Amino acid sequence: MVKKVVYTNSGKIVAESIDTRQNDQVYIDRMVSRGFPDAVVIDSNDFPENTEYNQAWTLSGSTISVDMTKARTMHRDLLRNKRTGHFSETDTLLLETFSQKKGLEEIKTRQQYLRNITEDPAIDAAETPSELSAITIEPWDTKPVAKVLGDDIVLFTKENDPESSTTSKSYKRKSRLTF
Protein backbone atom coordinates (compact mmCIF):
# COMPACT_ATOMS: atom_id res chain seq x y z
CA MET A 1 0.00 0.00 0.00
CA VAL A 2 1.36 3.39 -1.02
CA LYS A 3 0.27 6.39 0.97
CA LYS A 4 0.65 10.02 0.00
CA VAL A 5 0.37 13.23 1.92
CA VAL A 6 -2.01 15.41 -0.06
CA TYR A 7 -2.59 19.16 0.19
CA THR A 8 -3.50 22.12 -1.98
CA ASN A 9 -0.94 24.67 -3.07
CA SER A 10 -2.05 27.67 -5.15
CA GLY A 11 -5.32 25.92 -5.90
CA LYS A 12 -3.70 22.73 -7.19
CA ILE A 13 -3.55 19.31 -5.56
CA VAL A 14 -0.07 18.20 -4.54
CA ALA A 15 0.63 14.59 -3.54
CA GLU A 16 3.91 13.40 -2.09
CA SER A 17 4.74 9.78 -1.31
CA ILE A 18 5.46 9.10 2.33
CA ASP A 19 7.32 6.50 4.35
CA THR A 20 4.62 4.14 5.62
CA ARG A 21 6.78 3.21 8.61
CA GLN A 22 6.07 6.63 10.11
CA ASN A 23 2.83 7.69 11.72
CA ASP A 24 0.55 9.57 9.29
CA GLN A 25 0.11 12.39 11.78
CA VAL A 26 3.85 13.21 11.56
CA TYR A 27 3.43 14.09 7.88
CA ILE A 28 0.21 16.00 8.44
CA ASP A 29 1.79 18.07 11.24
CA ARG A 30 4.84 18.79 9.05
CA MET A 31 2.68 20.08 6.17
CA VAL A 32 0.46 22.14 8.48
CA SER A 33 3.56 23.79 9.96
CA ARG A 34 4.62 24.67 6.37
CA GLY A 35 1.35 26.50 5.76
CA PHE A 36 -0.82 23.75 4.27
CA PRO A 37 -3.66 23.31 6.76
CA ASP A 38 -5.68 20.97 4.53
CA ALA A 39 -2.96 18.28 4.47
CA VAL A 40 -4.23 14.70 4.74
CA VAL A 41 -2.78 11.25 4.17
CA ILE A 42 -4.55 9.25 1.48
CA ASP A 43 -3.98 5.73 0.18
CA SER A 44 -2.94 5.88 -3.48
CA ASN A 45 -5.83 3.51 -4.35
CA ASP A 46 -8.24 6.29 -3.35
CA PHE A 47 -6.99 8.65 -6.07
CA PRO A 48 -9.16 9.09 -9.18
CA GLU A 49 -8.35 6.43 -11.78
CA ASN A 50 -8.09 8.84 -14.69
CA THR A 51 -5.14 11.18 -14.12
CA GLU A 52 -5.55 12.99 -17.45
CA TYR A 53 -7.52 15.71 -15.67
CA ASN A 54 -5.44 15.93 -12.49
CA GLN A 55 -5.35 19.72 -12.83
CA ALA A 56 -9.12 19.61 -12.19
CA TRP A 57 -8.84 17.60 -8.96
CA THR A 58 -10.26 19.08 -5.77
CA LEU A 59 -9.58 18.08 -2.18
CA SER A 60 -12.45 17.93 0.29
CA GLY A 61 -11.43 16.38 3.59
CA SER A 62 -9.70 13.16 2.62
CA THR A 63 -11.50 12.80 -0.70
CA ILE A 64 -10.09 13.77 -4.08
CA SER A 65 -12.74 14.40 -6.70
CA VAL A 66 -12.75 15.79 -10.21
CA ASP A 67 -14.23 19.24 -10.83
CA MET A 68 -16.02 18.32 -14.06
CA THR A 69 -16.46 21.98 -15.08
CA LYS A 70 -12.68 22.41 -15.08
CA ALA A 71 -12.20 19.01 -16.73
CA ARG A 72 -14.61 19.96 -19.54
CA THR A 73 -12.71 23.21 -20.11
CA MET A 74 -9.43 21.27 -20.19
CA HIS A 75 -10.89 18.80 -22.69
CA ARG A 76 -12.16 21.58 -24.96
CA ASP A 77 -8.66 23.10 -24.91
CA LEU A 78 -7.19 19.68 -25.75
CA LEU A 79 -9.57 19.32 -28.70
CA ARG A 80 -8.73 22.84 -29.91
CA ASN A 81 -5.02 21.96 -29.90
CA LYS A 82 -5.59 18.67 -31.71
CA ARG A 83 -7.85 20.13 -34.39
CA THR A 84 -5.13 22.54 -35.56
CA GLY A 85 -3.41 19.78 -37.53
CA HIS A 86 -6.72 18.66 -38.96
CA PHE A 87 -7.48 22.20 -40.18
CA SER A 88 -4.13 22.45 -41.97
CA GLU A 89 -4.95 19.18 -43.73
CA THR A 90 -8.32 20.51 -44.92
CA ASP A 91 -6.82 23.86 -45.88
CA THR A 92 -4.27 22.13 -48.10
CA LEU A 93 -6.98 20.08 -49.80
CA LEU A 94 -9.16 23.16 -50.13
CA LEU A 95 -6.44 24.97 -52.04
CA GLU A 96 -5.83 21.94 -54.24
CA THR A 97 -9.48 21.34 -55.10
CA PHE A 98 -11.06 24.80 -54.96
CA SER A 99 -12.84 24.52 -58.30
CA GLN A 100 -14.18 20.99 -57.74
CA LYS A 101 -17.60 21.45 -56.13
CA LYS A 102 -17.94 17.96 -54.64
CA GLY A 103 -14.53 18.04 -53.04
CA LEU A 104 -15.21 21.54 -51.74
CA GLU A 105 -18.41 20.50 -50.00
CA GLU A 106 -16.70 17.57 -48.28
CA ILE A 107 -13.87 19.84 -47.13
CA LYS A 108 -16.28 22.52 -45.91
CA THR A 109 -18.28 19.89 -44.01
CA ARG A 110 -15.11 18.60 -42.36
CA GLN A 111 -14.00 22.12 -41.39
CA GLN A 112 -17.42 22.85 -39.87
CA TYR A 113 -17.18 19.59 -37.90
CA LEU A 114 -13.77 20.70 -36.59
CA ARG A 115 -15.11 24.14 -35.64
CA ASN A 116 -18.04 22.58 -33.77
CA ILE A 117 -16.10 19.85 -31.94
CA THR A 118 -15.62 21.93 -28.79
CA GLU A 119 -19.38 22.59 -28.64
CA ASP A 120 -20.27 18.89 -28.73
CA PRO A 121 -23.15 18.39 -26.24
CA ALA A 122 -21.48 15.17 -25.10
CA ILE A 123 -18.79 17.30 -23.41
CA ASP A 124 -21.37 18.96 -21.17
CA ALA A 125 -23.15 15.65 -20.62
CA ALA A 126 -19.95 13.85 -19.56
CA GLU A 127 -20.06 12.99 -15.89
CA THR A 128 -16.68 11.31 -15.57
CA PRO A 129 -13.18 11.94 -16.90
CA SER A 130 -13.40 8.64 -18.83
CA GLU A 131 -16.50 9.88 -20.66
CA LEU A 132 -14.62 13.08 -21.55
CA SER A 133 -11.58 11.16 -22.80
CA ALA A 134 -13.84 9.18 -25.14
CA ILE A 135 -14.79 12.38 -27.01
CA THR A 136 -12.20 12.69 -29.74
CA ILE A 137 -11.85 14.08 -33.24
CA GLU A 138 -13.19 11.39 -35.55
CA PRO A 139 -11.01 10.31 -38.48
CA TRP A 140 -11.95 11.68 -41.86
CA ASP A 141 -13.17 8.61 -43.75
CA THR A 142 -14.34 10.49 -46.84
CA LYS A 143 -11.26 12.63 -47.41
CA PRO A 144 -10.77 13.38 -51.10
CA VAL A 145 -7.34 12.69 -52.52
CA ALA A 146 -5.96 15.41 -54.78
CA LYS A 147 -2.74 15.20 -56.74
CA VAL A 148 -0.98 17.83 -58.79
CA LEU A 149 0.03 16.40 -62.16
CA GLY A 150 1.93 18.94 -64.21
CA ASP A 151 -0.26 22.04 -64.57
CA ASP A 152 -3.45 20.13 -63.69
CA ILE A 153 -4.98 19.28 -60.34
CA VAL A 154 -6.76 15.96 -60.43
CA LEU A 155 -9.26 14.85 -57.78
CA PHE A 156 -9.17 11.06 -57.46
CA THR A 157 -11.51 8.66 -55.74
CA LYS A 158 -11.53 8.74 -51.99
CA GLU A 159 -8.80 7.09 -49.94
CA ASN A 160 -11.16 4.42 -48.63
CA ASP A 161 -12.42 3.50 -52.12
CA PRO A 162 -10.96 0.09 -53.08
CA GLU A 163 -10.63 1.24 -56.69
CA SER A 164 -8.19 3.96 -55.68
CA SER A 165 -4.61 3.43 -54.68
CA THR A 166 -2.01 6.04 -53.92
CA THR A 167 0.69 3.49 -54.66
CA SER A 168 -0.72 2.44 -58.02
CA LYS A 169 0.09 4.22 -61.29
CA SER A 170 -3.49 3.68 -62.50
CA TYR A 171 -5.40 6.40 -60.63
CA LYS A 172 -9.09 6.59 -61.37
CA ARG A 173 -9.64 10.13 -62.56
CA LYS A 174 -12.78 11.85 -61.25
CA SER A 175 -12.19 15.28 -62.70
CA ARG A 176 -9.52 17.31 -64.38
CA LEU A 177 -9.08 20.90 -63.35
CA THR A 178 -7.31 23.36 -65.58
CA PHE A 179 -6.50 27.02 -65.04
Foldseek 3Di string as FASTA:
>chain_A
DWKWWWFDDPRAIDTDTDDPVDDQVVVQVVVVVVPGNLIGMDDPVQEDPDCPQRRQWDDDRNHIDGPLVSLLVVLLVVLLVVCVVVLVVLVVQCVLCVPPVVLNVLSVVLVVCSVCLSVPVQSVVDDDSVSSVVRHRDDSQQHWDWDDDPQKIFIFGGPPDPVADPVDPDTDTDDIDHD
